[in-house]
PDB file of N, CA and C in Angstrom:
ATOM      1  N   MET A   1       7.056   1.419   9.434  1.00  0.00           N
ATOM      2  CA  MET A   1       6.215   0.410   8.816  1.00  0.00           C
ATOM      3  C   MET A   1       6.154   0.689   7.310  1.00  0.00           C
ATOM      4  N   LEU A   2       6.221  -0.373   6.548  1.00  0.00           N
ATOM      5  CA  LEU A   2       6.203  -0.270   5.092  1.00  0.00           C
ATOM      6  C   LEU A   2       4.930   0.406   4.585  1.00  0.00           C
ATOM      7  N   LEU A   3       3.813   0.148   5.235  1.00  0.00           N
ATOM      8  CA  LEU A   3       2.564   0.776   4.779  1.00  0.00           C
ATOM      9  C   LEU A   3       2.591   2.292   4.955  1.00  0.00           C
ATOM     10  N   ASP A   4       3.400   2.794   5.869  1.00  0.00           N
ATOM     11  CA  ASP A   4       3.554   4.247   5.997  1.00  0.00           C
ATOM     12  C   ASP A   4       4.157   4.818   4.719  1.00  0.00           C
ATOM     13  N   GLU A   5       5.148   4.136   4.179  1.00  0.00           N
ATOM     14  CA  GLU A   5       5.771   4.579   2.925  1.00  0.00           C
ATOM     15  C   GLU A   5       4.778   4.508   1.768  1.00  0.00           C
ATOM     16  N   VAL A   6       3.981   3.442   1.747  1.00  0.00           N
ATOM     17  CA  VAL A   6       2.971   3.298   0.692  1.00  0.00           C
ATOM     18  C   VAL A   6       1.955   4.427   0.802  1.00  0.00           C
ATOM     19  N   PHE A   7       1.485   4.700   2.021  1.00  0.00           N
ATOM     20  CA  PHE A   7       0.519   5.781   2.187  1.00  0.00           C
ATOM     21  C   PHE A   7       1.108   7.118   1.746  1.00  0.00           C
ATOM     22  N   LEU A   8       2.330   7.414   2.145  1.00  0.00           N
ATOM     23  CA  LEU A   8       2.949   8.687   1.761  1.00  0.00           C
ATOM     24  C   LEU A   8       3.067   8.816   0.247  1.00  0.00           C
ATOM     25  N   PHE A   9       3.454   7.745  -0.420  1.00  0.00           N
ATOM     26  CA  PHE A   9       3.533   7.769  -1.874  1.00  0.00           C
ATOM     27  C   PHE A   9       2.157   8.068  -2.476  1.00  0.00           C
ATOM     28  N   LEU A  10       1.156   7.333  -2.036  1.00  0.00           N
ATOM     29  CA  LEU A  10      -0.196   7.522  -2.581  1.00  0.00           C
ATOM     30  C   LEU A  10      -0.754   8.901  -2.239  1.00  0.00           C
ATOM     31  N   HIS A  11      -0.471   9.353  -1.048  1.00  0.00           N
ATOM     32  CA  HIS A  11      -0.921  10.689  -0.635  1.00  0.00           C
ATOM     33  C   HIS A  11      -0.246  11.771  -1.480  1.00  0.00           C
ATOM     34  N   ASN A  12       1.055  11.657  -1.652  1.00  0.00           N
ATOM     35  CA  ASN A  12       1.812  12.660  -2.416  1.00  0.00           C
ATOM     36  C   ASN A  12       1.448  12.673  -3.896  1.00  0.00           C
ATOM     37  N   THR A  13       0.950  11.559  -4.406  1.00  0.00           N
ATOM     38  CA  THR A  13       0.524  11.519  -5.805  1.00  0.00           C
ATOM     39  C   THR A  13      -0.968  11.791  -5.961  1.00  0.00           C
ATOM     40  N   GLY A  14      -1.633  12.123  -4.863  1.00  0.00           N
ATOM     41  CA  GLY A  14      -3.048  12.496  -4.906  1.00  0.00           C
ATOM     42  C   GLY A  14      -4.020  11.336  -4.983  1.00  0.00           C
ATOM     43  N   ARG A  15      -3.536  10.130  -4.791  1.00  0.00           N
ATOM     44  CA  ARG A  15      -4.413   8.961  -4.912  1.00  0.00           C
ATOM     45  C   ARG A  15      -5.086   8.582  -3.601  1.00  0.00           C
ATOM     46  N   ALA A  16      -4.502   8.928  -2.490  1.00  0.00           N
ATOM     47  CA  ALA A  16      -5.073   8.632  -1.174  1.00  0.00           C
ATOM     48  C   ALA A  16      -4.972   9.885  -0.317  1.00  0.00           C
ATOM     49  N   PRO A  17      -5.974  10.751  -0.391  1.00  0.00           N
ATOM     50  CA  PRO A  17      -5.889  12.018   0.339  1.00  0.00           C
ATOM     51  C   PRO A  17      -5.944  11.874   1.864  1.00  0.00           C
ATOM     52  N   ASN A  18      -6.411  10.720   2.357  1.00  0.00           N
ATOM     53  CA  ASN A  18      -6.491  10.538   3.807  1.00  0.00           C
ATOM     54  C   ASN A  18      -6.395   9.053   4.154  1.00  0.00           C
ATOM     55  N   HIS A  19      -6.298   8.786   5.447  1.00  0.00           N
ATOM     56  CA  HIS A  19      -6.145   7.405   5.912  1.00  0.00           C
ATOM     57  C   HIS A  19      -7.361   6.550   5.580  1.00  0.00           C
ATOM     58  N   ALA A  20      -8.540   7.132   5.632  1.00  0.00           N
ATOM     59  CA  ALA A  20      -9.762   6.362   5.368  1.00  0.00           C
ATOM     60  C   ALA A  20      -9.789   5.841   3.935  1.00  0.00           C
ATOM     61  N   ILE A  21      -9.433   6.679   2.978  1.00  0.00           N
ATOM     62  CA  ILE A  21      -9.395   6.246   1.579  1.00  0.00           C
ATOM     63  C   ILE A  21      -8.318   5.172   1.401  1.00  0.00           C
ATOM     64  N   PHE A  22      -7.179   5.372   2.011  1.00  0.00           N
ATOM     65  CA  PHE A  22      -6.104   4.385   1.934  1.00  0.00           C
ATOM     66  C   PHE A  22      -6.570   3.043   2.492  1.00  0.00           C
ATOM     67  N   SER A  23      -7.229   3.072   3.640  1.00  0.00           N
ATOM     68  CA  SER A  23      -7.700   1.838   4.276  1.00  0.00           C
ATOM     69  C   SER A  23      -8.707   1.094   3.421  1.00  0.00           C
ATOM     70  N   THR A  24      -9.648   1.821   2.854  1.00  0.00           N
ATOM     71  CA  THR A  24     -10.713   1.157   2.103  1.00  0.00           C
ATOM     72  C   THR A  24     -10.304   0.814   0.679  1.00  0.00           C
ATOM     73  N   GLU A  25      -9.683   1.741  -0.017  1.00  0.00           N
ATOM     74  CA  GLU A  25      -9.381   1.549  -1.441  1.00  0.00           C
ATOM     75  C   GLU A  25      -8.106   0.767  -1.705  1.00  0.00           C
ATOM     76  N   TYR A  26      -7.140   0.866  -0.821  1.00  0.00           N
ATOM     77  CA  TYR A  26      -5.844   0.241  -1.078  1.00  0.00           C
ATOM     78  C   TYR A  26      -5.531  -0.941  -0.167  1.00  0.00           C
ATOM     79  N   LEU A  27      -6.184  -1.007   0.988  1.00  0.00           N
ATOM     80  CA  LEU A  27      -5.954  -2.126   1.894  1.00  0.00           C
ATOM     81  C   LEU A  27      -7.150  -3.067   1.975  1.00  0.00           C
ATOM     82  N   GLY A  28      -8.313  -2.597   1.523  1.00  0.00           N
ATOM     83  CA  GLY A  28      -9.503  -3.442   1.496  1.00  0.00           C
ATOM     84  C   GLY A  28     -10.151  -3.698   2.835  1.00  0.00           C
ATOM     85  N   HIS A  29     -10.003  -2.765   3.732  1.00  0.00           N
ATOM     86  CA  HIS A  29     -10.591  -2.909   5.069  1.00  0.00           C
ATOM     87  C   HIS A  29     -11.435  -1.676   5.406  1.00  0.00           C
ATOM     88  N   SER A  30     -11.871  -1.603   6.643  1.00  0.00           N
ATOM     89  CA  SER A  30     -12.688  -0.479   7.082  1.00  0.00           C
ATOM     90  C   SER A  30     -11.891   0.823   7.059  1.00  0.00           C
ATOM     91  N   ALA A  31     -12.596   1.920   7.159  1.00  0.00           N
ATOM     92  CA  ALA A  31     -11.979   3.248   7.052  1.00  0.00           C
ATOM     93  C   ALA A  31     -10.918   3.508   8.118  1.00  0.00           C
ATOM     94  N   ARG A  32     -10.984   2.859   9.242  1.00  0.00           N
ATOM     95  CA  ARG A  32     -10.037   3.109  10.331  1.00  0.00           C
ATOM     96  C   ARG A  32      -8.967   2.021  10.471  1.00  0.00           C
ATOM     97  N   TYR A  33      -8.875   1.120   9.521  1.00  0.00           N
ATOM     98  CA  TYR A  33      -7.927   0.008   9.614  1.00  0.00           C
ATOM     99  C   TYR A  33      -6.477   0.495   9.692  1.00  0.00           C
ATOM    100  N   TYR A  34      -6.089   1.398   8.821  1.00  0.00           N
ATOM    101  CA  TYR A  34      -4.713   1.897   8.836  1.00  0.00           C
ATOM    102  C   TYR A  34      -4.408   2.601  10.151  1.00  0.00           C
ATOM    103  N   ASP A  35      -5.359   3.367  10.668  1.00  0.00           N
ATOM    104  CA  ASP A  35      -5.158   4.017  11.969  1.00  0.00           C
ATOM    105  C   ASP A  35      -4.966   2.973  13.069  1.00  0.00           C
ATOM    106  N   TYR A  36      -5.759   1.911  13.010  1.00  0.00           N
ATOM    107  CA  TYR A  36      -5.611   0.820  13.977  1.00  0.00           C
ATOM    108  C   TYR A  36      -4.200   0.228  13.909  1.00  0.00           C
ATOM    109  N   LEU A  37      -3.721  -0.045  12.700  1.00  0.00           N
ATOM    110  CA  LEU A  37      -2.374  -0.604  12.552  1.00  0.00           C
ATOM    111  C   LEU A  37      -1.321   0.307  13.145  1.00  0.00           C
ATOM    112  N   ARG A  38      -1.448   1.582  12.890  1.00  0.00           N
ATOM    113  CA  ARG A  38      -0.448   2.539  13.377  1.00  0.00           C
ATOM    114  C   ARG A  38      -0.486   2.668  14.895  1.00  0.00           C
ATOM    115  N   CYS A  39      -1.680   2.716  15.466  1.00  0.00           N
ATOM    116  CA  CYS A  39      -1.807   2.916  16.913  1.00  0.00           C
ATOM    117  C   CYS A  39      -1.461   1.674  17.716  1.00  0.00           C
ATOM    118  N   SER A  40      -1.777   0.503  17.189  1.00  0.00           N
ATOM    119  CA  SER A  40      -1.565  -0.735  17.939  1.00  0.00           C
ATOM    120  C   SER A  40      -0.248  -1.416  17.606  1.00  0.00           C
ATOM    121  N   ASP A  41       0.439  -0.924  16.583  1.00  0.00           N
ATOM    122  CA  ASP A  41       1.674  -1.539  16.113  1.00  0.00           C
ATOM    123  C   ASP A  41       1.435  -2.985  15.677  1.00  0.00           C
ATOM    124  N   ALA A  42       0.224  -3.253  15.197  1.00  0.00           N
ATOM    125  CA  ALA A  42      -0.139  -4.588  14.719  1.00  0.00           C
ATOM    126  C   ALA A  42       0.403  -4.808  13.312  1.00  0.00           C
ATOM    127  N   GLN A  43       0.520  -6.060  12.933  1.00  0.00           N
ATOM    128  CA  GLN A  43       0.959  -6.419  11.586  1.00  0.00           C
ATOM    129  C   GLN A  43      -0.241  -6.334  10.639  1.00  0.00           C
ATOM    130  N   PRO A  44      -0.048  -5.806   9.445  1.00  0.00           N
ATOM    131  CA  PRO A  44      -1.144  -5.788   8.473  1.00  0.00           C
ATOM    132  C   PRO A  44      -1.495  -7.204   8.044  1.00  0.00           C
ATOM    133  N   SER A  45      -2.741  -7.410   7.694  1.00  0.00           N
ATOM    134  CA  SER A  45      -3.159  -8.731   7.241  1.00  0.00           C
ATOM    135  C   SER A  45      -2.494  -9.062   5.909  1.00  0.00           C
ATOM    136  N   LEU A  46      -2.389 -10.339   5.638  1.00  0.00           N
ATOM    137  CA  LEU A  46      -1.847 -10.790   4.366  1.00  0.00           C
ATOM    138  C   LEU A  46      -2.707 -10.258   3.225  1.00  0.00           C
ATOM    139  N   ARG A  47      -3.998 -10.280   3.406  1.00  0.00           N
ATOM    140  CA  ARG A  47      -4.929  -9.772   2.395  1.00  0.00           C
ATOM    141  C   ARG A  47      -4.656  -8.313   2.064  1.00  0.00           C
ATOM    142  N   SER A  48      -4.413  -7.506   3.086  1.00  0.00           N
ATOM    143  CA  SER A  48      -4.176  -6.082   2.830  1.00  0.00           C
ATOM    144  C   SER A  48      -2.840  -5.858   2.120  1.00  0.00           C
ATOM    145  N   LEU A  49      -1.830  -6.659   2.439  1.00  0.00           N
ATOM    146  CA  LEU A  49      -0.544  -6.531   1.756  1.00  0.00           C
ATOM    147  C   LEU A  49      -0.671  -6.894   0.276  1.00  0.00           C
ATOM    148  N   VAL A  50      -1.359  -7.986   0.002  1.00  0.00           N
ATOM    149  CA  VAL A  50      -1.529  -8.406  -1.390  1.00  0.00           C
ATOM    150  C   VAL A  50      -2.333  -7.374  -2.161  1.00  0.00           C
ATOM    151  N   ARG A  51      -3.398  -6.872  -1.552  1.00  0.00           N
ATOM    152  CA  ARG A  51      -4.212  -5.862  -2.229  1.00  0.00           C
ATOM    153  C   ARG A  51      -3.400  -4.606  -2.521  1.00  0.00           C
ATOM    154  N   ALA A  52      -2.612  -4.147  -1.556  1.00  0.00           N
ATOM    155  CA  ALA A  52      -1.784  -2.960  -1.765  1.00  0.00           C
ATOM    156  C   ALA A  52      -0.777  -3.191  -2.894  1.00  0.00           C
ATOM    157  N   ALA A  53      -0.158  -4.355  -2.906  1.00  0.00           N
ATOM    158  CA  ALA A  53       0.819  -4.660  -3.962  1.00  0.00           C
ATOM    159  C   ALA A  53       0.150  -4.673  -5.335  1.00  0.00           C
ATOM    160  N   LEU A  54      -1.033  -5.242  -5.421  1.00  0.00           N
ATOM    161  CA  LEU A  54      -1.753  -5.269  -6.700  1.00  0.00           C
ATOM    162  C   LEU A  54      -2.133  -3.871  -7.162  1.00  0.00           C
ATOM    163  N   ARG A  55      -2.598  -3.056  -6.235  1.00  0.00           N
ATOM    164  CA  ARG A  55      -2.978  -1.688  -6.593  1.00  0.00           C
ATOM    165  C   ARG A  55      -1.764  -0.878  -7.032  1.00  0.00           C
ATOM    166  N   LEU A  56      -0.632  -1.058  -6.349  1.00  0.00           N
ATOM    167  CA  LEU A  56       0.594  -0.365  -6.738  1.00  0.00           C
ATOM    168  C   LEU A  56       1.072  -0.826  -8.113  1.00  0.00           C
ATOM    169  N   THR A  57       0.933  -2.095  -8.398  1.00  0.00           N
ATOM    170  CA  THR A  57       1.289  -2.615  -9.723  1.00  0.00           C
ATOM    171  C   THR A  57       0.410  -1.978 -10.783  1.00  0.00           C
ATOM    172  N   ASP A  58      -0.876  -1.858 -10.505  1.00  0.00           N
ATOM    173  CA  ASP A  58      -1.790  -1.189 -11.440  1.00  0.00           C
ATOM    174  C   ASP A  58      -1.352   0.249 -11.707  1.00  0.00           C
ATOM    175  N   ILE A  59      -0.991   0.962 -10.649  1.00  0.00           N
ATOM    176  CA  ILE A  59      -0.544   2.346 -10.794  1.00  0.00           C
ATOM    177  C   ILE A  59       0.715   2.404 -11.645  1.00  0.00           C
ATOM    178  N   SER A  60       1.640   1.493 -11.396  1.00  0.00           N
ATOM    179  CA  SER A  60       2.881   1.462 -12.161  1.00  0.00           C
ATOM    180  C   SER A  60       2.605   1.245 -13.644  1.00  0.00           C
ATOM    181  N   GLU A  61       1.713   0.333 -13.954  1.00  0.00           N
ATOM    182  CA  GLU A  61       1.393   0.043 -15.353  1.00  0.00           C
ATOM    183  C   GLU A  61       0.648   1.198 -16.018  1.00  0.00           C
ATOM    184  N   GLU A  62      -0.258   1.830 -15.276  1.00  0.00           N
ATOM    185  CA  GLU A  62      -1.010   2.965 -15.820  1.00  0.00           C
ATOM    186  C   GLU A  62      -0.118   4.169 -16.064  1.00  0.00           C
ATOM    187  N   ALA A  63       0.880   4.345 -15.208  1.00  0.00           N
ATOM    188  CA  ALA A  63       1.752   5.517 -15.303  1.00  0.00           C
ATOM    189  C   ALA A  63       2.740   5.415 -16.459  1.00  0.00           C
ATOM    190  N   GLY A  64       2.913   4.214 -16.997  1.00  0.00           N
ATOM    191  CA  GLY A  64       3.872   4.047 -18.094  1.00  0.00           C
ATOM    192  C   GLY A  64       5.296   4.139 -17.591  1.00  0.00           C
ATOM    193  N   ALA A  65       6.086   4.951 -18.248  1.00  0.00           N
ATOM    194  CA  ALA A  65       7.483   5.133 -17.840  1.00  0.00           C
ATOM    195  C   ALA A  65       7.597   6.402 -16.996  1.00  0.00           C
ATOM    196  N   GLY A  66       8.585   6.439 -16.157  1.00  0.00           N
ATOM    197  CA  GLY A  66       8.825   7.646 -15.368  1.00  0.00           C
ATOM    198  C   GLY A  66       8.938   7.370 -13.892  1.00  0.00           C
ATOM    199  N   CYS A  67       9.089   8.433 -13.158  1.00  0.00           N
ATOM    200  CA  CYS A  67       9.354   8.370 -11.727  1.00  0.00           C
ATOM    201  C   CYS A  67       8.203   7.729 -10.950  1.00  0.00           C
ATOM    202  N   ILE A  68       6.967   8.118 -11.245  1.00  0.00           N
ATOM    203  CA  ILE A  68       5.804   7.580 -10.534  1.00  0.00           C
ATOM    204  C   ILE A  68       5.722   6.070 -10.763  1.00  0.00           C
ATOM    205  N   ALA A  69       5.874   5.656 -12.008  1.00  0.00           N
ATOM    206  CA  ALA A  69       5.808   4.228 -12.338  1.00  0.00           C
ATOM    207  C   ALA A  69       6.905   3.458 -11.618  1.00  0.00           C
ATOM    208  N   ASP A  70       8.097   3.997 -11.598  1.00  0.00           N
ATOM    209  CA  ASP A  70       9.219   3.330 -10.932  1.00  0.00           C
ATOM    210  C   ASP A  70       8.997   3.225  -9.432  1.00  0.00           C
ATOM    211  N   GLN A  71       8.534   4.300  -8.824  1.00  0.00           N
ATOM    212  CA  GLN A  71       8.284   4.285  -7.381  1.00  0.00           C
ATOM    213  C   GLN A  71       7.190   3.291  -7.036  1.00  0.00           C
ATOM    214  N   ALA A  72       6.114   3.280  -7.811  1.00  0.00           N
ATOM    215  CA  ALA A  72       5.007   2.358  -7.551  1.00  0.00           C
ATOM    216  C   ALA A  72       5.470   0.912  -7.703  1.00  0.00           C
ATOM    217  N   ALA A  73       6.251   0.634  -8.741  1.00  0.00           N
ATOM    218  CA  ALA A  73       6.742  -0.729  -8.964  1.00  0.00           C
ATOM    219  C   ALA A  73       7.673  -1.175  -7.841  1.00  0.00           C
ATOM    220  N   THR A  74       8.533  -0.282  -7.395  1.00  0.00           N
ATOM    221  CA  THR A  74       9.447  -0.611  -6.299  1.00  0.00           C
ATOM    222  C   THR A  74       8.679  -0.905  -5.019  1.00  0.00           C
ATOM    223  N   LEU A  75       7.701  -0.059  -4.706  1.00  0.00           N
ATOM    224  CA  LEU A  75       6.885  -0.292  -3.515  1.00  0.00           C
ATOM    225  C   LEU A  75       6.100  -1.589  -3.640  1.00  0.00           C
ATOM    226  N   ALA A  76       5.562  -1.869  -4.816  1.00  0.00           N
ATOM    227  CA  ALA A  76       4.805  -3.109  -5.022  1.00  0.00           C
ATOM    228  C   ALA A  76       5.681  -4.323  -4.742  1.00  0.00           C
ATOM    229  N   ARG A  77       6.913  -4.299  -5.232  1.00  0.00           N
ATOM    230  CA  ARG A  77       7.835  -5.417  -4.985  1.00  0.00           C
ATOM    231  C   ARG A  77       8.137  -5.562  -3.501  1.00  0.00           C
ATOM    232  N   ARG A  78       8.344  -4.454  -2.826  1.00  0.00           N
ATOM    233  CA  ARG A  78       8.636  -4.513  -1.391  1.00  0.00           C
ATOM    234  C   ARG A  78       7.446  -5.055  -0.599  1.00  0.00           C
ATOM    235  N   VAL A  79       6.258  -4.637  -0.983  1.00  0.00           N
ATOM    236  CA  VAL A  79       5.059  -5.082  -0.266  1.00  0.00           C
ATOM    237  C   VAL A  79       4.810  -6.567  -0.514  1.00  0.00           C
ATOM    238  N   ILE A  80       4.926  -7.016  -1.751  1.00  0.00           N
ATOM    239  CA  ILE A  80       4.680  -8.438  -2.025  1.00  0.00           C
ATOM    240  C   ILE A  80       5.757  -9.297  -1.380  1.00  0.00           C
ATOM    241  N   THR A  81       6.979  -8.795  -1.287  1.00  0.00           N
ATOM    242  CA  THR A  81       8.034  -9.522  -0.570  1.00  0.00           C
ATOM    243  C   THR A  81       7.673  -9.662   0.897  1.00  0.00           C
ATOM    244  N   ALA A  82       7.146  -8.600   1.498  1.00  0.00           N
ATOM    245  CA  ALA A  82       6.706  -8.661   2.896  1.00  0.00           C
ATOM    246  C   ALA A  82       5.573  -9.674   3.053  1.00  0.00           C
ATOM    247  N   ALA A  83       4.678  -9.734   2.084  1.00  0.00           N
ATOM    248  CA  ALA A  83       3.583 -10.703   2.132  1.00  0.00           C
ATOM    249  C   ALA A  83       4.122 -12.129   2.051  1.00  0.00           C
ATOM    250  N   PHE A  84       5.064 -12.375   1.138  1.00  0.00           N
ATOM    251  CA  PHE A  84       5.641 -13.707   1.014  1.00  0.00           C
ATOM    252  C   PHE A  84       6.368 -14.115   2.295  1.00  0.00           C
ATOM    253  N   ARG A  85       7.044 -13.198   2.915  1.00  0.00           N
ATOM    254  CA  ARG A  85       7.760 -13.508   4.164  1.00  0.00           C
ATOM    255  C   ARG A  85       6.792 -13.920   5.273  1.00  0.00           C
ATOM    256  N   ARG A  86       5.595 -13.366   5.244  1.00  0.00           N
ATOM    257  CA  ARG A  86       4.579 -13.729   6.239  1.00  0.00           C
ATOM    258  C   ARG A  86       4.139 -15.177   6.059  1.00  0.00           C
ATOM    259  N   CYS A  87       4.271 -15.703   4.851  1.00  0.00           N
ATOM    260  CA  CYS A  87       3.818 -17.066   4.550  1.00  0.00           C
ATOM    261  C   CYS A  87       4.839 -18.127   4.891  1.00  0.00           C
ATOM    262  N   LEU A  88       6.060 -17.725   5.160  1.00  0.00           N
ATOM    263  CA  LEU A  88       7.127 -18.720   5.452  1.00  0.00           C
ATOM    264  C   LEU A  88       7.031 -19.256   6.864  1.00  0.00           C
TER     265      LEU A  88
END
């Protein structure tokens, strides 16, 4: 799942130390939302995809140039593409 990659990136950069922070701060849902997605194999909501893409874009812009900025921007593009595909 794409959100697994997003979580790993955020976790490895110290921005999301656990699933609860990722769920609330980056997906905009309850603390156990990401766990629910992983356990049930459910699709993330459109709202959570858009929020994650926006937050990743913010990280990319704040980081300036470099590896972190590039990774965040790439993930943001992938997430927003997944969101757009849900709308078709």
